[in-house]
Structure formats: C-alpha cells, structure tokens
PDB file of N, CA and C in Angstrom:
ATOM      1  N   UNK A   1     -38.597 -38.491 -63.139  1.00  0.00           N
ATOM      2  CA  UNK A   1     -39.663 -38.071 -64.028  1.00  0.00           C
ATOM      3  C   UNK A   1     -40.756 -37.444 -63.177  1.00  0.00           C
ATOM      4  N   UNK A   2     -41.114 -36.234 -63.468  1.00  0.00           N
ATOM      5  CA  UNK A   2     -42.098 -35.545 -62.647  1.00  0.00           C
ATOM      6  C   UNK A   2     -43.509 -36.019 -62.966  1.00  0.00           C
ATOM      7  N   UNK A   3     -44.399 -35.819 -62.009  1.00  0.00           N
ATOM      8  CA  UNK A   3     -45.776 -36.249 -62.182  1.00  0.00           C
ATOM      9  C   UNK A   3     -46.420 -35.475 -63.311  1.00  0.00           C
ATOM     10  N   UNK A   4     -47.358 -36.128 -63.993  1.00  0.00           N
ATOM     11  CA  UNK A   4     -48.095 -35.482 -65.043  1.00  0.00           C
ATOM     12  C   UNK A   4     -47.456 -35.635 -66.417  1.00  0.00           C
ATOM     13  N   UNK A   5     -46.186 -36.020 -66.481  1.00  0.00           N
ATOM     14  CA  UNK A   5     -45.545 -36.234 -67.773  1.00  0.00           C
ATOM     15  C   UNK A   5     -45.856 -37.641 -68.255  1.00  0.00           C
ATOM     16  N   UNK A   6     -46.003 -37.743 -69.550  1.00  0.00           N
ATOM     17  CA  UNK A   6     -46.255 -39.045 -70.167  1.00  0.00           C
ATOM     18  C   UNK A   6     -44.994 -39.899 -70.055  1.00  0.00           C
ATOM     19  N   UNK A   7     -45.175 -41.131 -69.691  1.00  0.00           N
ATOM     20  CA  UNK A   7     -44.040 -42.049 -69.584  1.00  0.00           C
ATOM     21  C   UNK A   7     -43.635 -42.498 -70.982  1.00  0.00           C
ATOM     22  N   UNK A   8     -42.400 -42.267 -71.331  1.00  0.00           N
ATOM     23  CA  UNK A   8     -41.935 -42.653 -72.661  1.00  0.00           C
ATOM     24  C   UNK A   8     -41.608 -44.140 -72.689  1.00  0.00           C
ATOM     25  N   UNK A   9     -41.626 -44.694 -73.885  1.00  0.00           N
ATOM     26  CA  UNK A   9     -41.235 -46.092 -74.046  1.00  0.00           C
ATOM     27  C   UNK A   9     -39.798 -46.295 -73.598  1.00  0.00           C
ATOM     28  N   UNK A  10     -38.948 -45.340 -73.904  1.00  0.00           N
ATOM     29  CA  UNK A  10     -37.537 -45.443 -73.508  1.00  0.00           C
ATOM     30  C   UNK A  10     -37.410 -45.545 -71.983  1.00  0.00           C
ATOM     31  N   UNK A  11     -38.134 -44.681 -71.262  1.00  0.00           N
ATOM     32  CA  UNK A  11     -38.079 -44.711 -69.799  1.00  0.00           C
ATOM     33  C   UNK A  11     -38.637 -46.032 -69.265  1.00  0.00           C
ATOM     34  N   UNK A  12     -39.762 -46.473 -69.818  1.00  0.00           N
ATOM     35  CA  UNK A  12     -40.366 -47.710 -69.328  1.00  0.00           C
ATOM     36  C   UNK A  12     -39.498 -48.928 -69.641  1.00  0.00           C
ATOM     37  N   UNK A  13     -38.799 -48.895 -70.753  1.00  0.00           N
ATOM     38  CA  UNK A  13     -37.859 -49.997 -71.043  1.00  0.00           C
ATOM     39  C   UNK A  13     -36.736 -50.029 -70.007  1.00  0.00           C
ATOM     40  N   UNK A  14     -36.292 -48.850 -69.584  1.00  0.00           N
ATOM     41  CA  UNK A  14     -35.254 -48.781 -68.553  1.00  0.00           C
ATOM     42  C   UNK A  14     -35.801 -49.269 -67.213  1.00  0.00           C
ATOM     43  N   UNK A  15     -37.037 -48.905 -66.886  1.00  0.00           N
ATOM     44  CA  UNK A  15     -37.676 -49.412 -65.668  1.00  0.00           C
ATOM     45  C   UNK A  15     -37.745 -50.932 -65.736  1.00  0.00           C
ATOM     46  N   UNK A  16     -38.160 -51.450 -66.885  1.00  0.00           N
ATOM     47  CA  UNK A  16     -38.267 -52.903 -67.059  1.00  0.00           C
ATOM     48  C   UNK A  16     -36.904 -53.576 -66.910  1.00  0.00           C
ATOM     49  N   UNK A  17     -35.852 -52.956 -67.446  1.00  0.00           N
ATOM     50  CA  UNK A  17     -34.509 -53.525 -67.326  1.00  0.00           C
ATOM     51  C   UNK A  17     -34.091 -53.619 -65.863  1.00  0.00           C
ATOM     52  N   UNK A  18     -34.293 -52.529 -65.124  1.00  0.00           N
ATOM     53  CA  UNK A  18     -33.936 -52.507 -63.703  1.00  0.00           C
ATOM     54  C   UNK A  18     -34.769 -53.541 -62.945  1.00  0.00           C
ATOM     55  N   UNK A  19     -36.054 -53.594 -63.241  1.00  0.00           N
ATOM     56  CA  UNK A  19     -36.962 -54.538 -62.599  1.00  0.00           C
ATOM     57  C   UNK A  19     -36.520 -55.974 -62.854  1.00  0.00           C
ATOM     58  N   UNK A  20     -36.266 -56.307 -64.123  1.00  0.00           N
ATOM     59  CA  UNK A  20     -35.895 -57.680 -64.474  1.00  0.00           C
ATOM     60  C   UNK A  20     -34.562 -58.084 -63.856  1.00  0.00           C
ATOM     61  N   UNK A  21     -33.608 -57.171 -63.830  1.00  0.00           N
ATOM     62  CA  UNK A  21     -32.323 -57.482 -63.199  1.00  0.00           C
ATOM     63  C   UNK A  21     -32.502 -57.752 -61.706  1.00  0.00           C
ATOM     64  N   UNK A  22     -33.334 -56.938 -61.056  1.00  0.00           N
ATOM     65  CA  UNK A  22     -33.584 -57.146 -59.628  1.00  0.00           C
ATOM     66  C   UNK A  22     -34.320 -58.461 -59.395  1.00  0.00           C
ATOM     67  N   UNK A  23     -35.259 -58.760 -60.253  1.00  0.00           N
ATOM     68  CA  UNK A  23     -36.031 -59.992 -60.115  1.00  0.00           C
ATOM     69  C   UNK A  23     -35.142 -61.220 -60.279  1.00  0.00           C
ATOM     70  N   UNK A  24     -34.256 -61.176 -61.247  1.00  0.00           N
ATOM     71  CA  UNK A  24     -33.364 -62.311 -61.499  1.00  0.00           C
ATOM     72  C   UNK A  24     -32.340 -62.496 -60.386  1.00  0.00           C
ATOM     73  N   UNK A  25     -32.048 -61.423 -59.645  1.00  0.00           N
ATOM     74  CA  UNK A  25     -31.038 -61.518 -58.593  1.00  0.00           C
ATOM     75  C   UNK A  25     -31.599 -62.067 -57.288  1.00  0.00           C
ATOM     76  N   UNK A  26     -32.892 -62.253 -57.208  1.00  0.00           N
ATOM     77  CA  UNK A  26     -33.536 -62.741 -55.984  1.00  0.00           C
ATOM     78  C   UNK A  26     -34.365 -63.975 -56.275  1.00  0.00           C
ATOM     79  N   UNK A  27     -34.619 -64.778 -55.260  1.00  0.00           N
ATOM     80  CA  UNK A  27     -35.500 -65.929 -55.454  1.00  0.00           C
ATOM     81  C   UNK A  27     -36.936 -65.426 -55.567  1.00  0.00           C
ATOM     82  N   UNK A  28     -37.791 -66.230 -56.145  1.00  0.00           N
ATOM     83  CA  UNK A  28     -39.183 -65.821 -56.384  1.00  0.00           C
ATOM     84  C   UNK A  28     -39.899 -65.472 -55.087  1.00  0.00           C
ATOM     85  N   UNK A  29     -39.594 -66.143 -54.000  1.00  0.00           N
ATOM     86  CA  UNK A  29     -40.295 -65.876 -52.739  1.00  0.00           C
ATOM     87  C   UNK A  29     -39.878 -64.549 -52.116  1.00  0.00           C
ATOM     88  N   UNK A  30     -38.715 -64.041 -52.465  1.00  0.00           N
ATOM     89  CA  UNK A  30     -38.224 -62.791 -51.888  1.00  0.00           C
ATOM     90  C   UNK A  30     -38.378 -61.616 -52.843  1.00  0.00           C
ATOM     91  N   UNK A  31     -38.740 -61.866 -54.070  1.00  0.00           N
ATOM     92  CA  UNK A  31     -38.546 -60.891 -55.133  1.00  0.00           C
ATOM     93  C   UNK A  31     -39.420 -59.652 -55.083  1.00  0.00           C
ATOM     94  N   UNK A  32     -40.704 -59.783 -54.855  1.00  0.00           N
ATOM     95  CA  UNK A  32     -41.608 -58.701 -55.240  1.00  0.00           C
ATOM     96  C   UNK A  32     -41.406 -57.399 -54.483  1.00  0.00           C
ATOM     97  N   UNK A  33     -41.277 -57.398 -53.186  1.00  0.00           N
ATOM     98  CA  UNK A  33     -40.992 -56.161 -52.483  1.00  0.00           C
ATOM     99  C   UNK A  33     -39.634 -55.608 -52.858  1.00  0.00           C
ATOM    100  N   UNK A  34     -38.687 -56.492 -53.056  1.00  0.00           N
ATOM    101  CA  UNK A  34     -37.319 -56.112 -53.405  1.00  0.00           C
ATOM    102  C   UNK A  34     -37.258 -55.371 -54.735  1.00  0.00           C
ATOM    103  N   UNK A  35     -37.934 -55.894 -55.762  1.00  0.00           N
ATOM    104  CA  UNK A  35     -37.816 -55.269 -57.084  1.00  0.00           C
ATOM    105  C   UNK A  35     -38.468 -53.896 -57.110  1.00  0.00           C
ATOM    106  N   UNK A  36     -39.571 -53.747 -56.420  1.00  0.00           N
ATOM    107  CA  UNK A  36     -40.224 -52.435 -56.368  1.00  0.00           C
ATOM    108  C   UNK A  36     -39.316 -51.423 -55.676  1.00  0.00           C
ATOM    109  N   UNK A  37     -38.701 -51.839 -54.587  1.00  0.00           N
ATOM    110  CA  UNK A  37     -37.774 -50.955 -53.874  1.00  0.00           C
ATOM    111  C   UNK A  37     -36.563 -50.608 -54.729  1.00  0.00           C
ATOM    112  N   UNK A  38     -36.067 -51.587 -55.477  1.00  0.00           N
ATOM    113  CA  UNK A  38     -34.914 -51.355 -56.345  1.00  0.00           C
ATOM    114  C   UNK A  38     -35.246 -50.331 -57.420  1.00  0.00           C
ATOM    115  N   UNK A  39     -36.413 -50.486 -58.033  1.00  0.00           N
ATOM    116  CA  UNK A  39     -36.837 -49.527 -59.060  1.00  0.00           C
ATOM    117  C   UNK A  39     -36.995 -48.140 -58.441  1.00  0.00           C
ATOM    118  N   UNK A  40     -37.635 -48.072 -57.276  1.00  0.00           N
ATOM    119  CA  UNK A  40     -37.843 -46.777 -56.606  1.00  0.00           C
ATOM    120  C   UNK A  40     -36.508 -46.098 -56.302  1.00  0.00           C
ATOM    121  N   UNK A  41     -35.553 -46.855 -55.775  1.00  0.00           N
ATOM    122  CA  UNK A  41     -34.242 -46.285 -55.439  1.00  0.00           C
ATOM    123  C   UNK A  41     -33.483 -45.864 -56.693  1.00  0.00           C
ATOM    124  N   UNK A  42     -33.513 -46.711 -57.716  1.00  0.00           N
ATOM    125  CA  UNK A  42     -32.766 -46.433 -58.947  1.00  0.00           C
ATOM    126  C   UNK A  42     -33.211 -45.110 -59.580  1.00  0.00           C
ATOM    127  N   UNK A  43     -34.503 -44.864 -59.587  1.00  0.00           N
ATOM    128  CA  UNK A  43     -35.034 -43.669 -60.238  1.00  0.00           C
ATOM    129  C   UNK A  43     -35.371 -42.555 -59.244  1.00  0.00           C
ATOM    130  N   UNK A  44     -35.049 -42.763 -57.967  1.00  0.00           N
ATOM    131  CA  UNK A  44     -35.336 -41.789 -56.916  1.00  0.00           C
ATOM    132  C   UNK A  44     -36.819 -41.417 -56.920  1.00  0.00           C
ATOM    133  N   UNK A  45     -37.654 -42.452 -56.790  1.00  0.00           N
ATOM    134  CA  UNK A  45     -39.109 -42.293 -56.816  1.00  0.00           C
ATOM    135  C   UNK A  45     -39.714 -42.804 -55.521  1.00  0.00           C
ATOM    136  N   UNK A  46     -40.894 -42.319 -55.174  1.00  0.00           N
ATOM    137  CA  UNK A  46     -41.636 -42.974 -54.097  1.00  0.00           C
ATOM    138  C   UNK A  46     -42.018 -44.383 -54.559  1.00  0.00           C
ATOM    139  N   UNK A  47     -42.128 -45.306 -53.630  1.00  0.00           N
ATOM    140  CA  UNK A  47     -42.440 -46.691 -53.987  1.00  0.00           C
ATOM    141  C   UNK A  47     -43.755 -46.791 -54.760  1.00  0.00           C
ATOM    142  N   UNK A  48     -44.747 -45.970 -54.396  1.00  0.00           N
ATOM    143  CA  UNK A  48     -46.040 -46.025 -55.092  1.00  0.00           C
ATOM    144  C   UNK A  48     -45.890 -45.617 -56.566  1.00  0.00           C
ATOM    145  N   UNK A  49     -45.041 -44.646 -56.840  1.00  0.00           N
ATOM    146  CA  UNK A  49     -44.801 -44.233 -58.227  1.00  0.00           C
ATOM    147  C   UNK A  49     -44.064 -45.330 -58.982  1.00  0.00           C
ATOM    148  N   UNK A  50     -43.106 -45.949 -58.319  1.00  0.00           N
ATOM    149  CA  UNK A  50     -42.382 -47.065 -58.939  1.00  0.00           C
ATOM    150  C   UNK A  50     -43.356 -48.192 -59.285  1.00  0.00           C
ATOM    151  N   UNK A  51     -44.283 -48.487 -58.373  1.00  0.00           N
ATOM    152  CA  UNK A  51     -45.274 -49.536 -58.629  1.00  0.00           C
ATOM    153  C   UNK A  51     -46.124 -49.188 -59.851  1.00  0.00           C
ATOM    154  N   UNK A  52     -46.521 -47.925 -59.975  1.00  0.00           N
ATOM    155  CA  UNK A  52     -47.326 -47.501 -61.127  1.00  0.00           C
ATOM    156  C   UNK A  52     -46.532 -47.642 -62.423  1.00  0.00           C
ATOM    157  N   UNK A  53     -45.256 -47.305 -62.368  1.00  0.00           N
ATOM    158  CA  UNK A  53     -44.439 -47.425 -63.568  1.00  0.00           C
ATOM    159  C   UNK A  53     -44.204 -48.890 -63.929  1.00  0.00           C
ATOM    160  N   UNK A  54     -44.064 -49.732 -62.932  1.00  0.00           N
ATOM    161  CA  UNK A  54     -43.930 -51.169 -63.177  1.00  0.00           C
ATOM    162  C   UNK A  54     -45.195 -51.699 -63.845  1.00  0.00           C
ATOM    163  N   UNK A  55     -46.350 -51.263 -63.369  1.00  0.00           N
ATOM    164  CA  UNK A  55     -47.622 -51.680 -63.978  1.00  0.00           C
ATOM    165  C   UNK A  55     -47.714 -51.178 -65.421  1.00  0.00           C
ATOM    166  N   UNK A  56     -47.251 -49.958 -65.678  1.00  0.00           N
ATOM    167  CA  UNK A  56     -47.243 -49.429 -67.047  1.00  0.00           C
ATOM    168  C   UNK A  56     -46.352 -50.289 -67.943  1.00  0.00           C
ATOM    169  N   UNK A  57     -45.233 -50.744 -67.386  1.00  0.00           N
ATOM    170  CA  UNK A  57     -44.341 -51.647 -68.135  1.00  0.00           C
ATOM    171  C   UNK A  57     -45.057 -52.946 -68.474  1.00  0.00           C
ATOM    172  N   UNK A  58     -45.783 -53.489 -67.514  1.00  0.00           N
ATOM    173  CA  UNK A  58     -46.540 -54.725 -67.751  1.00  0.00           C
ATOM    174  C   UNK A  58     -47.596 -54.502 -68.828  1.00  0.00           C
ATOM    175  N   UNK A  59     -48.301 -53.375 -68.720  1.00  0.00           N
ATOM    176  CA  UNK A  59     -49.359 -53.076 -69.687  1.00  0.00           C
ATOM    177  C   UNK A  59     -48.808 -52.989 -71.108  1.00  0.00           C
ATOM    178  N   UNK A  60     -47.589 -52.502 -71.248  1.00  0.00           N
ATOM    179  CA  UNK A  60     -46.973 -52.369 -72.577  1.00  0.00           C
ATOM    180  C   UNK A  60     -46.183 -53.611 -72.986  1.00  0.00           C
ATOM    181  N   UNK A  61     -46.156 -54.611 -72.097  1.00  0.00           N
ATOM    182  CA  UNK A  61     -45.508 -55.872 -72.439  1.00  0.00           C
ATOM    183  C   UNK A  61     -44.010 -55.901 -72.230  1.00  0.00           C
ATOM    184  N   UNK A  62     -43.464 -54.939 -71.478  1.00  0.00           N
ATOM    185  CA  UNK A  62     -42.025 -54.909 -71.226  1.00  0.00           C
ATOM    186  C   UNK A  62     -41.614 -55.816 -70.070  1.00  0.00           C
ATOM    187  N   UNK A  63     -42.575 -56.142 -69.208  1.00  0.00           N
ATOM    188  CA  UNK A  63     -42.323 -57.009 -68.055  1.00  0.00           C
ATOM    189  C   UNK A  63     -43.323 -58.149 -68.111  1.00  0.00           C
ATOM    190  N   UNK A  64     -42.833 -59.343 -67.910  1.00  0.00           N
ATOM    191  CA  UNK A  64     -43.710 -60.500 -67.868  1.00  0.00           C
ATOM    192  C   UNK A  64     -44.464 -60.542 -66.542  1.00  0.00           C
ATOM    193  N   UNK A  65     -45.682 -61.061 -66.584  1.00  0.00           N
ATOM    194  CA  UNK A  65     -46.403 -61.297 -65.335  1.00  0.00           C
ATOM    195  C   UNK A  65     -45.725 -62.459 -64.621  1.00  0.00           C
ATOM    196  N   UNK A  66     -46.051 -62.647 -63.361  1.00  0.00           N
ATOM    197  CA  UNK A  66     -45.452 -63.748 -62.590  1.00  0.00           C
ATOM    198  C   UNK A  66     -45.759 -65.088 -63.260  1.00  0.00           C
ATOM    199  N   UNK A  67     -46.978 -65.256 -63.754  1.00  0.00           N
ATOM    200  CA  UNK A  67     -47.347 -66.512 -64.411  1.00  0.00           C
ATOM    201  C   UNK A  67     -46.559 -66.701 -65.705  1.00  0.00           C
ATOM    202  N   UNK A  68     -46.414 -65.640 -66.486  1.00  0.00           N
ATOM    203  CA  UNK A  68     -45.632 -65.723 -67.719  1.00  0.00           C
ATOM    204  C   UNK A  68     -44.171 -66.045 -67.420  1.00  0.00           C
ATOM    205  N   UNK A  69     -43.646 -65.450 -66.367  1.00  0.00           N
ATOM    206  CA  UNK A  69     -42.265 -65.711 -65.970  1.00  0.00           C
ATOM    207  C   UNK A  69     -42.091 -67.169 -65.566  1.00  0.00           C
ATOM    208  N   UNK A  70     -43.021 -67.696 -64.755  1.00  0.00           N
ATOM    209  CA  UNK A  70     -42.950 -69.111 -64.363  1.00  0.00           C
ATOM    210  C   UNK A  70     -43.030 -70.022 -65.582  1.00  0.00           C
ATOM    211  N   UNK A  71     -43.918 -69.702 -66.520  1.00  0.00           N
ATOM    212  CA  UNK A  71     -44.039 -70.513 -67.730  1.00  0.00           C
ATOM    213  C   UNK A  71     -42.763 -70.472 -68.556  1.00  0.00           C
ATOM    214  N   UNK A  72     -42.159 -69.282 -68.677  1.00  0.00           N
ATOM    215  CA  UNK A  72     -40.915 -69.162 -69.429  1.00  0.00           C
ATOM    216  C   UNK A  72     -39.806 -69.983 -68.775  1.00  0.00           C
ATOM    217  N   UNK A  73     -39.723 -69.917 -67.443  1.00  0.00           N
ATOM    218  CA  UNK A  73     -38.712 -70.694 -66.732  1.00  0.00           C
ATOM    219  C   UNK A  73     -38.953 -72.190 -66.923  1.00  0.00           C
ATOM    220  N   UNK A  74     -40.213 -72.598 -66.914  1.00  0.00           N
ATOM    221  CA  UNK A  74     -40.550 -74.018 -67.119  1.00  0.00           C
ATOM    222  C   UNK A  74     -40.163 -74.459 -68.530  1.00  0.00           C
ATOM    223  N   UNK A  75     -40.461 -73.621 -69.521  1.00  0.00           N
ATOM    224  CA  UNK A  75     -40.104 -73.940 -70.905  1.00  0.00           C
ATOM    225  C   UNK A  75     -38.594 -74.056 -71.050  1.00  0.00           C
ATOM    226  N   UNK A  76     -37.863 -73.136 -70.430  1.00  0.00           N
ATOM    227  CA  UNK A  76     -36.399 -73.184 -70.495  1.00  0.00           C
ATOM    228  C   UNK A  76     -35.867 -74.458 -69.846  1.00  0.00           C
ATOM    229  N   UNK A  77     -36.461 -74.861 -68.719  1.00  0.00           N
ATOM    230  CA  UNK A  77     -36.044 -76.091 -68.046  1.00  0.00           C
ATOM    231  C   UNK A  77     -36.331 -77.299 -68.934  1.00  0.00           C
ATOM    232  N   UNK A  78     -37.520 -77.335 -69.522  1.00  0.00           N
ATOM    233  CA  UNK A  78     -37.865 -78.451 -70.407  1.00  0.00           C
ATOM    234  C   UNK A  78     -36.952 -78.491 -71.626  1.00  0.00           C
ATOM    235  N   UNK A  79     -36.576 -77.332 -72.148  1.00  0.00           N
ATOM    236  CA  UNK A  79     -35.668 -77.289 -73.301  1.00  0.00           C
ATOM    237  C   UNK A  79     -34.305 -77.858 -72.925  1.00  0.00           C
ATOM    238  N   UNK A  80     -33.814 -77.508 -71.735  1.00  0.00           N
ATOM    239  CA  UNK A  80     -32.528 -78.064 -71.280  1.00  0.00           C
ATOM    240  C   UNK A  80     -32.617 -79.584 -71.135  1.00  0.00           C
ATOM    241  N   UNK A  81     -33.717 -80.069 -70.558  1.00  0.00           N
ATOM    242  CA  UNK A  81     -33.899 -81.518 -70.396  1.00  0.00           C
ATOM    243  C   UNK A  81     -33.983 -82.207 -71.750  1.00  0.00           C
ATOM    244  N   UNK A  82     -34.692 -81.587 -72.694  1.00  0.00           N
ATOM    245  CA  UNK A  82     -34.809 -82.138 -74.037  1.00  0.00           C
ATOM    246  C   UNK A  82     -33.437 -82.210 -74.710  1.00  0.00           C
ATOM    247  N   UNK A  83     -32.673 -81.117 -74.624  1.00  0.00           N
ATOM    248  CA  UNK A  83     -31.349 -81.089 -75.233  1.00  0.00           C
ATOM    249  C   UNK A  83     -30.444 -82.164 -74.643  1.00  0.00           C
ATOM    250  N   UNK A  84     -30.522 -82.360 -73.335  1.00  0.00           N
ATOM    251  CA  UNK A  84     -29.704 -83.382 -72.672  1.00  0.00           C
ATOM    252  C   UNK A  84     -30.118 -84.780 -73.139  1.00  0.00           C
ATOM    253  N   UNK A  85     -31.417 -85.023 -73.221  1.00  0.00           N
ATOM    254  CA  UNK A  85     -31.907 -86.331 -73.678  1.00  0.00           C
ATOM    255  C   UNK A  85     -31.514 -86.582 -75.129  1.00  0.00           C
ATOM    256  N   UNK A  86     -31.626 -85.557 -75.962  1.00  0.00           N
ATOM    257  CA  UNK A  86     -31.252 -85.681 -77.371  1.00  0.00           C
ATOM    258  C   UNK A  86     -29.766 -86.021 -77.502  1.00  0.00           C
ATOM    259  N   UNK A  87     -28.941 -85.360 -76.708  1.00  0.00           N
ATOM    260  CA  UNK A  87     -27.504 -85.622 -76.732  1.00  0.00           C
ATOM    261  C   UNK A  87     -27.214 -87.064 -76.312  1.00  0.00           C
ATOM    262  N   UNK A  88     -27.915 -87.547 -75.297  1.00  0.00           N
ATOM    263  CA  UNK A  88     -27.731 -88.923 -74.836  1.00  0.00           C
ATOM    264  C   UNK A  88     -28.133 -89.911 -75.922  1.00  0.00           C
ATOM    265  N   UNK A  89     -29.246 -89.663 -76.579  1.00  0.00           N
ATOM    266  CA  UNK A  89     -29.710 -90.540 -77.656  1.00  0.00           C
ATOM    267  C   UNK A  89     -28.700 -90.552 -78.801  1.00  0.00           C
ATOM    268  N   UNK A  90     -28.181 -89.399 -79.157  1.00  0.00           N
ATOM    269  CA  UNK A  90     -27.185 -89.326 -80.231  1.00  0.00           C
ATOM    270  C   UNK A  90     -25.925 -90.099 -79.868  1.00  0.00           C
ATOM    271  N   UNK A  91     -25.513 -89.991 -78.605  1.00  0.00           N
ATOM    272  CA  UNK A  91     -24.329 -90.722 -78.146  1.00  0.00           C
ATOM    273  C   UNK A  91     -24.578 -92.223 -78.192  1.00  0.00           C
ATOM    274  N   UNK A  92     -25.761 -92.652 -77.720  1.00  0.00           N
ATOM    275  CA  UNK A  92     -26.087 -94.081 -77.751  1.00  0.00           C
ATOM    276  C   UNK A  92     -26.199 -94.590 -79.175  1.00  0.00           C
ATOM    277  N   UNK A  93     -26.756 -93.797 -80.041  1.00  0.00           N
ATOM    278  CA  UNK A  93     -26.875 -94.176 -81.448  1.00  0.00           C
ATOM    279  C   UNK A  93     -25.503 -94.370 -82.068  1.00  0.00           C
ATOM    280  N   UNK A  94     -24.578 -93.476 -81.735  1.00  0.00           N
ATOM    281  CA  UNK A  94     -23.220 -93.583 -82.242  1.00  0.00           C
ATOM    282  C   UNK A  94     -22.552 -94.856 -81.723  1.00  0.00           C
ATOM    283  N   UNK A  95     -22.757 -95.171 -80.451  1.00  0.00           N
ATOM    284  CA  UNK A  95     -22.177 -96.391 -79.875  1.00  0.00           C
ATOM    285  C   UNK A  95     -22.751 -97.615 -80.559  1.00  0.00           C
ATOM    286  N   UNK A  96     -24.072 -97.624 -80.757  1.00  0.00           N
ATOM    287  CA  UNK A  96     -24.708 -98.784 -81.431  1.00  0.00           C
ATOM    288  C   UNK A  96     -24.221 -98.923 -82.867  1.00  0.00           C
ATOM    289  N   UNK A  97     -24.082 -97.831 -83.557  1.00  0.00           N
ATOM    290  CA  UNK A  97     -23.585 -97.859 -84.937  1.00  0.00           C
ATOM    291  C   UNK A  97     -22.147 -98.346 -84.967  1.00  0.00           C
ATOM    292  N   UNK A  98     -21.342 -97.900 -84.064  1.00  0.00           N
ATOM    293  CA  UNK A  98     -19.945 -98.318 -83.997  1.00  0.00           C
ATOM    294  C   UNK A  98     -19.860 -99.800 -83.682  1.00  0.00           C
ATOM    295  N   UNK A  99     -20.717-100.291 -82.761  1.00  0.00           N
ATOM    296  CA  UNK A  99     -20.720-101.712 -82.413  1.00  0.00           C
ATOM    297  C   UNK A  99     -21.118-102.564 -83.612  1.00  0.00           C
ATOM    298  N   UNK A 100     -22.056-102.114 -84.419  1.00  0.00           N
ATOM    299  CA  UNK A 100     -22.463-102.860 -85.615  1.00  0.00           C
ATOM    300  C   UNK A 100     -21.322-102.976 -86.613  1.00  0.00           C
ATOM    301  N   UNK A 101     -20.580-101.912 -86.770  1.00  0.00           N
ATOM    302  CA  UNK A 101     -19.460-101.907 -87.717  1.00  0.00           C
ATOM    303  C   UNK A 101     -18.409-102.924 -87.279  1.00  0.00           C
ATOM    304  N   UNK A 102     -18.183-103.069 -85.971  1.00  0.00           N
ATOM    305  CA  UNK A 102     -17.176-103.998 -85.467  1.00  0.00           C
ATOM    306  C   UNK A 102     -17.568-105.439 -85.710  1.00  0.00           C
ATOM    307  N   UNK A 103     -18.875-105.718 -85.803  1.00  0.00           N
ATOM    308  CA  UNK A 103     -19.324-107.090 -86.028  1.00  0.00           C
ATOM    309  C   UNK A 103     -18.979-107.484 -87.411  1.00  0.00           C
TER     310      UNK A 103
END
C-alpha cells in the first residue's frame, strides 16, 4: 500500500490477522519485535510503516492492547478452571446420588 492512501478496513483486518497469528506463535516476552517484523515482511513494508498500520488496527479495535490480551487470556484460564470444577462437582453429585440409591 503506497503512502498517502487511506487504509481500508479490509487491509487493516488483514494486518490484524497477520499480527495476531504472529503474536500467538511466540511467547509474550519475545512477541513484540517479532510481530512488527512479521507484519512488515508479509506486506513488504518498512518496519515503521508496519508499526503505524498496527497502531491503526488498535485504534479501530482490530487488535487488542497487551493489557486486553492478558485479561482475555486470564478470563479464558478462569473459564477452563471453572468448567473443570463444575465437571468435578457434577461427577461427585452423581456418585453421592448413586450411593443414596444403594442404601
């Protein structure tokens, strides 16, 4: 995309897709330089232009901020823990109900 052209939503969604895939493929401590380079290489852009496009994606809500990403990961972890605990409770409830029937 040449300079001076308006960034389309379609293009920024593609930037966000490339960014998110790169981010997910690396650990959080290694991610940030890597994802910018990945976006720059994918679109054949200078790194500074890639950074500007990444910021445009953030501004339009296509990319989560680091804090939002951490919160989402925490929520997903808590949901998994909740589901596991719920399953355990259901299993124990079934065992207790079965034991009562045997009495």
